[in-house]
Amino acid sequence: MKKLALLMASLLLITGCTQHTDVLVWEDGVSVTLYFVTDTSRGLKLVSEERTSSDFYDLNLQVVTDLVTGKIAPLDPDYANLWGGTNTVNSVSITDSVATVDLGEISLNVGAEGEQRAIDQIVWTLTELVPSATSVAFTVNGETVESFAGHVDTTVSFTRTVGYEVLNPIQISSINEGVEVAVPLTISGQACTFEANVIWKLTQNGVVIKEGFTTATSGCPDRGDWSISFEDLEPGEYTIQALEYSAEDGSLFAKDDKNFTIN
């Protein structure tokens, strides 16, 4: 997490605000998948959170604007939005299969990997919103620019990078951080792991109370779905961890976790 912490510290100095100030959580309406960034042993990777929005007016512009301006922050403290609060969006237009995001002010003080992942956040979020859009082009006040932060060529259009290169190998997607749920409970997600293995641990107050493994529907390089179910959990606070360990040396390869409460 050191690399991500340094990136976020830089963003906080620029924006003068905390990461979770004025977090936007939409209520009701259409489901929206937002992409954030997490730090892993294999670099910065994309992770997603599901939100819902009741505002159908120019939803594409609203979502991209809220993401780029930093109004949307991740609920999970292990995730980050690499776009700070000083950025603005003029418009989002879609012609055929190309979405064009025209930015206003830009201040993206991150390294090469961080700049690419920040762009990936917009590309993956927008192409999820509009499946007919297969690529995203960027302009600044109507003009093409060479780069946002001096590392990535932004004169070209961007498509989704191959999933196993950019996505966190393990994702818990059925619940968000801090939710209240009831039993019976099924927790599910996606994984791109060796032989489709997903190890899981359920903890309470830092103590493992249940653990096991499951198998995703596909192994890497494909990304498969997985799920685990709990029938008899007592009311209280829990943490679910989904893990992958190295087949070579047993070190932690990938992880996602969520805190939740049983009513």
Protein backbone atom coordinates (compact mmCIF):
# COMPACT_ATOMS: atom_id res chain seq x y z
CA MET A 1 0.00 0.00 0.00
CA LYS A 2 3.03 2.32 0.20
CA LYS A 3 2.83 3.40 -3.45
CA LEU A 4 -0.88 4.13 -3.23
CA ALA A 5 -0.43 6.01 0.06
CA LEU A 6 2.22 8.25 -1.54
CA LEU A 7 -0.05 8.95 -4.52
CA MET A 8 -2.97 9.82 -2.27
CA ALA A 9 -0.78 12.02 -0.07
CA SER A 10 0.18 13.99 -3.19
CA LEU A 11 -3.47 14.34 -4.19
CA LEU A 12 -4.47 15.54 -0.72
CA LEU A 13 -1.78 18.23 -0.80
CA ILE A 14 -3.11 19.40 -4.16
CA THR A 15 -6.79 19.36 -3.32
CA GLY A 16 -6.55 20.43 0.31
CA CYS A 17 -9.24 17.94 1.34
CA THR A 18 -9.47 14.47 2.80
CA GLN A 19 -10.13 11.43 0.65
CA HIS A 20 -13.62 10.77 1.97
CA THR A 21 -14.94 14.35 2.25
CA ASP A 22 -18.36 14.73 0.60
CA VAL A 23 -18.46 11.14 -0.63
CA LEU A 24 -21.26 10.76 -3.15
CA VAL A 25 -23.46 7.70 -2.63
CA TRP A 26 -26.36 7.59 -5.07
CA GLU A 27 -29.71 6.21 -4.02
CA ASP A 28 -32.09 4.01 -6.04
CA GLY A 29 -32.29 3.94 -9.82
CA VAL A 30 -29.89 2.46 -12.34
CA SER A 31 -26.88 0.41 -11.25
CA VAL A 32 -23.52 2.03 -11.99
CA THR A 33 -20.13 0.31 -11.83
CA LEU A 34 -17.32 2.66 -10.84
CA TYR A 35 -13.64 1.81 -11.12
CA PHE A 36 -11.05 2.81 -8.54
CA VAL A 37 -7.45 1.80 -7.87
CA THR A 38 -5.77 -0.39 -5.27
CA ASP A 39 -2.10 -1.14 -4.60
CA THR A 40 -0.97 -4.76 -4.92
CA SER A 41 2.26 -6.73 -4.97
CA ARG A 42 2.02 -6.50 -8.76
CA GLY A 43 1.44 -2.76 -8.95
CA LEU A 44 -1.62 -0.54 -9.12
CA LYS A 45 -4.74 -2.43 -10.22
CA LEU A 46 -8.34 -1.47 -10.97
CA VAL A 47 -11.15 -2.47 -8.62
CA SER A 48 -14.86 -1.76 -8.88
CA GLU A 49 -17.73 -0.69 -6.66
CA GLU A 50 -21.43 -0.80 -7.47
CA ARG A 51 -23.51 2.33 -6.88
CA THR A 52 -27.00 3.28 -8.01
CA SER A 53 -28.25 6.55 -9.47
CA SER A 54 -31.76 7.96 -9.82
CA ASP A 55 -30.59 10.75 -12.14
CA PHE A 56 -31.05 9.66 -15.76
CA TYR A 57 -30.30 13.12 -17.17
CA ASP A 58 -27.00 12.87 -19.05
CA LEU A 59 -25.87 10.07 -16.76
CA ASN A 60 -22.58 9.59 -18.63
CA LEU A 61 -21.57 13.22 -18.00
CA GLN A 62 -22.65 13.07 -14.37
CA VAL A 63 -20.70 9.92 -13.56
CA VAL A 64 -17.51 10.95 -15.35
CA THR A 65 -17.67 14.47 -13.88
CA ASP A 66 -18.18 13.19 -10.35
CA LEU A 67 -15.29 10.77 -10.77
CA VAL A 68 -12.83 13.25 -12.32
CA THR A 69 -13.65 16.04 -9.86
CA GLY A 70 -13.11 13.67 -6.95
CA LYS A 71 -16.72 14.00 -5.76
CA ILE A 72 -17.00 10.22 -5.84
CA ALA A 73 -14.66 8.53 -3.40
CA PRO A 74 -14.49 4.78 -2.83
CA LEU A 75 -16.30 3.31 0.16
CA ASP A 76 -13.49 0.78 0.68
CA PRO A 77 -10.48 2.38 2.46
CA ASP A 78 -8.13 0.10 0.46
CA TYR A 79 -9.30 1.75 -2.77
CA ALA A 80 -8.49 5.21 -4.10
CA ASN A 81 -9.73 7.66 -6.71
CA LEU A 82 -6.58 9.01 -8.35
CA TRP A 83 -8.40 12.07 -9.70
CA GLY A 84 -8.19 15.04 -7.35
CA GLY A 85 -10.66 17.80 -6.58
CA THR A 86 -9.14 20.42 -8.92
CA ASN A 87 -10.08 18.67 -12.18
CA THR A 88 -13.16 19.59 -14.21
CA VAL A 89 -15.12 18.07 -17.12
CA ASN A 90 -16.67 20.16 -19.89
CA SER A 91 -18.52 17.47 -21.78
CA VAL A 92 -18.87 13.79 -22.62
CA SER A 93 -19.95 12.99 -26.17
CA ILE A 94 -20.36 9.67 -27.94
CA THR A 95 -20.12 9.24 -31.71
CA ASP A 96 -20.47 5.73 -33.05
CA SER A 97 -18.13 3.64 -30.89
CA VAL A 98 -15.91 6.49 -29.63
CA ALA A 99 -16.58 8.42 -26.42
CA THR A 100 -14.84 11.78 -26.13
CA VAL A 101 -14.23 13.30 -22.70
CA ASP A 102 -13.42 17.00 -22.87
CA LEU A 103 -11.67 18.04 -19.68
CA GLY A 104 -11.30 21.57 -18.33
CA GLU A 105 -8.66 22.18 -15.71
CA ILE A 106 -6.30 19.26 -15.18
CA SER A 107 -4.00 18.62 -12.24
CA LEU A 108 -2.88 14.99 -12.09
CA ASN A 109 0.29 14.81 -10.03
CA VAL A 110 1.06 11.08 -10.25
CA GLY A 111 3.75 8.88 -11.77
CA ALA A 112 3.54 6.98 -15.05
CA GLU A 113 1.69 3.99 -13.60
CA GLY A 114 -0.69 6.23 -11.66
CA GLU A 115 -1.43 8.35 -14.72
CA GLN A 116 -2.27 5.25 -16.77
CA ARG A 117 -4.51 3.85 -14.03
CA ALA A 118 -6.31 7.18 -13.64
CA ILE A 119 -7.06 7.08 -17.37
CA ASP A 120 -8.11 3.44 -17.03
CA GLN A 121 -10.58 4.47 -14.31
CA ILE A 122 -12.42 6.68 -16.79
CA VAL A 123 -12.12 4.24 -19.71
CA TRP A 124 -13.47 1.25 -17.77
CA THR A 125 -16.21 3.25 -16.01
CA LEU A 126 -17.45 4.94 -19.19
CA THR A 127 -17.35 1.84 -21.39
CA GLU A 128 -19.26 -0.01 -18.67
CA LEU A 129 -21.92 2.71 -18.73
CA VAL A 130 -22.07 2.73 -22.52
CA PRO A 131 -21.26 -0.76 -23.87
CA SER A 132 -21.48 0.51 -27.46
CA ALA A 133 -18.48 2.77 -26.77
CA THR A 134 -15.35 0.70 -27.28
CA SER A 135 -12.77 3.48 -27.01
CA VAL A 136 -12.33 6.79 -25.18
CA ALA A 137 -10.57 9.90 -26.49
CA PHE A 138 -9.57 12.85 -24.32
CA THR A 139 -9.33 16.56 -25.07
CA VAL A 140 -8.69 19.55 -22.83
CA ASN A 141 -10.88 22.58 -23.56
CA GLY A 142 -11.50 21.14 -27.01
CA GLU A 143 -7.83 20.64 -27.84
CA THR A 144 -5.75 17.46 -28.03
CA VAL A 145 -2.91 17.47 -25.48
CA GLU A 146 0.22 15.34 -25.36
CA SER A 147 -0.17 14.18 -21.76
CA PHE A 148 -1.99 14.86 -18.48
CA ALA A 149 0.96 14.31 -16.14
CA GLY A 150 3.90 14.01 -18.52
CA HIS A 151 4.04 10.21 -18.81
CA VAL A 152 1.20 8.82 -20.95
CA ASP A 153 0.50 9.82 -24.56
CA THR A 154 -3.04 11.23 -24.58
CA THR A 155 -3.14 12.05 -28.30
CA VAL A 156 -4.47 8.53 -28.92
CA SER A 157 -7.76 6.87 -28.06
CA PHE A 158 -7.84 4.36 -25.21
CA THR A 159 -9.53 0.97 -25.10
CA ARG A 160 -9.87 -1.42 -22.18
CA THR A 161 -6.55 -3.07 -21.40
CA VAL A 162 -6.64 -6.86 -21.19
CA GLY A 163 -8.31 -7.70 -17.87
CA TYR A 164 -5.52 -9.78 -16.35
CA GLU A 165 -3.09 -6.90 -16.87
CA VAL A 166 -5.13 -4.12 -15.29
CA LEU A 167 -7.74 -5.62 -12.93
CA ASN A 168 -7.06 -6.80 -9.39
CA PRO A 169 -6.85 -10.62 -9.66
CA ILE A 170 -9.54 -11.01 -6.98
CA GLN A 171 -12.64 -8.89 -6.51
CA ILE A 172 -15.52 -9.07 -4.03
CA SER A 173 -18.37 -7.44 -5.94
CA SER A 174 -21.66 -8.51 -4.34
CA ILE A 175 -21.31 -6.29 -1.26
CA ASN A 176 -19.77 -2.90 -0.63
CA GLU A 177 -17.65 -1.96 2.35
CA GLY A 178 -19.65 -1.46 5.55
CA VAL A 179 -23.00 -2.85 4.41
CA GLU A 180 -25.62 -4.34 6.70
CA VAL A 181 -26.94 -7.70 5.53
CA ALA A 182 -28.97 -10.66 6.76
CA VAL A 183 -28.45 -14.42 6.68
CA PRO A 184 -28.57 -16.57 4.67
CA LEU A 185 -25.83 -14.63 2.89
CA THR A 186 -24.06 -15.29 -0.40
CA ILE A 187 -20.90 -13.35 -1.18
CA SER A 188 -19.64 -13.41 -4.75
CA GLY A 189 -17.08 -11.85 -7.01
CA GLN A 190 -14.67 -12.39 -9.86
CA ALA A 191 -11.16 -13.83 -10.04
CA CYS A 192 -8.32 -14.46 -12.45
CA THR A 193 -6.19 -16.89 -10.46
CA PHE A 194 -4.05 -19.99 -10.95
CA GLU A 195 -6.33 -22.97 -11.59
CA ALA A 196 -9.29 -20.71 -10.65
CA ASN A 197 -8.58 -21.13 -6.92
CA VAL A 198 -10.03 -18.59 -4.46
CA ILE A 199 -9.15 -18.94 -0.79
CA TRP A 200 -11.45 -17.20 1.67
CA LYS A 201 -11.39 -16.35 5.36
CA LEU A 202 -14.16 -14.98 7.55
CA THR A 203 -12.91 -13.10 10.59
CA GLN A 204 -14.46 -11.42 13.60
CA ASN A 205 -12.42 -9.08 15.79
CA GLY A 206 -9.32 -10.23 13.92
CA VAL A 207 -9.94 -13.93 14.64
CA VAL A 208 -10.58 -16.40 11.82
CA ILE A 209 -13.90 -18.15 12.53
CA LYS A 210 -14.45 -19.83 9.15
CA GLU A 211 -12.17 -20.48 6.19
CA GLY A 212 -12.05 -22.54 3.04
CA PHE A 213 -11.66 -22.30 -0.71
CA THR A 214 -13.84 -22.18 -3.76
CA THR A 215 -13.29 -22.37 -7.49
CA ALA A 216 -14.10 -19.67 -10.02
CA THR A 217 -15.80 -20.58 -13.27
CA SER A 218 -12.56 -19.87 -15.17
CA GLY A 219 -8.87 -19.70 -14.39
CA CYS A 220 -6.38 -17.11 -15.62
CA PRO A 221 -5.97 -15.69 -18.20
CA ASP A 222 -9.78 -15.74 -18.20
CA ARG A 223 -11.74 -14.08 -15.42
CA GLY A 224 -14.35 -16.24 -13.74
CA ASP A 225 -17.16 -15.87 -11.21
CA TRP A 226 -17.07 -17.35 -7.71
CA SER A 227 -19.35 -17.39 -4.67
CA ILE A 228 -19.56 -18.63 -1.07
CA SER A 229 -22.61 -18.92 1.18
CA PHE A 230 -23.18 -18.60 4.92
CA GLU A 231 -26.33 -19.91 6.60
CA ASP A 232 -25.76 -19.54 10.34
CA LEU A 233 -23.84 -16.38 11.22
CA GLU A 234 -24.79 -14.66 14.46
CA PRO A 235 -25.52 -10.91 14.49
CA GLY A 236 -22.32 -8.87 14.64
CA GLU A 237 -19.49 -7.36 12.63
CA TYR A 238 -17.41 -9.49 10.25
CA THR A 239 -14.68 -9.24 7.64
CA ILE A 240 -14.60 -11.45 4.55
CA GLN A 241 -11.27 -11.92 2.77
CA ALA A 242 -10.76 -13.37 -0.70
CA LEU A 243 -7.14 -14.37 -1.28
CA GLU A 244 -4.68 -15.85 -3.74
CA TYR A 245 -1.29 -17.19 -2.65
CA SER A 246 1.70 -17.80 -4.90
CA ALA A 247 1.98 -21.39 -6.13
CA GLU A 248 5.76 -20.97 -6.05
CA ASP A 249 6.57 -19.64 -2.58
CA GLY A 250 3.24 -19.27 -0.75
CA SER A 251 3.41 -15.47 -0.54
CA LEU A 252 0.24 -13.41 -0.74
CA PHE A 253 -0.43 -12.72 -4.41
CA ALA A 254 -3.79 -10.95 -4.39
CA LYS A 255 -6.42 -9.88 -1.88
CA ASP A 256 -9.75 -8.14 -1.49
CA ASP A 257 -11.72 -7.79 1.72
CA LYS A 258 -14.94 -6.23 2.95
CA ASN A 259 -16.26 -5.41 6.42
CA PHE A 260 -19.98 -6.05 6.91
CA THR A 261 -22.56 -6.35 9.66
CA ILE A 262 -25.13 -9.11 10.18
CA ASN A 263 -28.40 -7.68 11.51
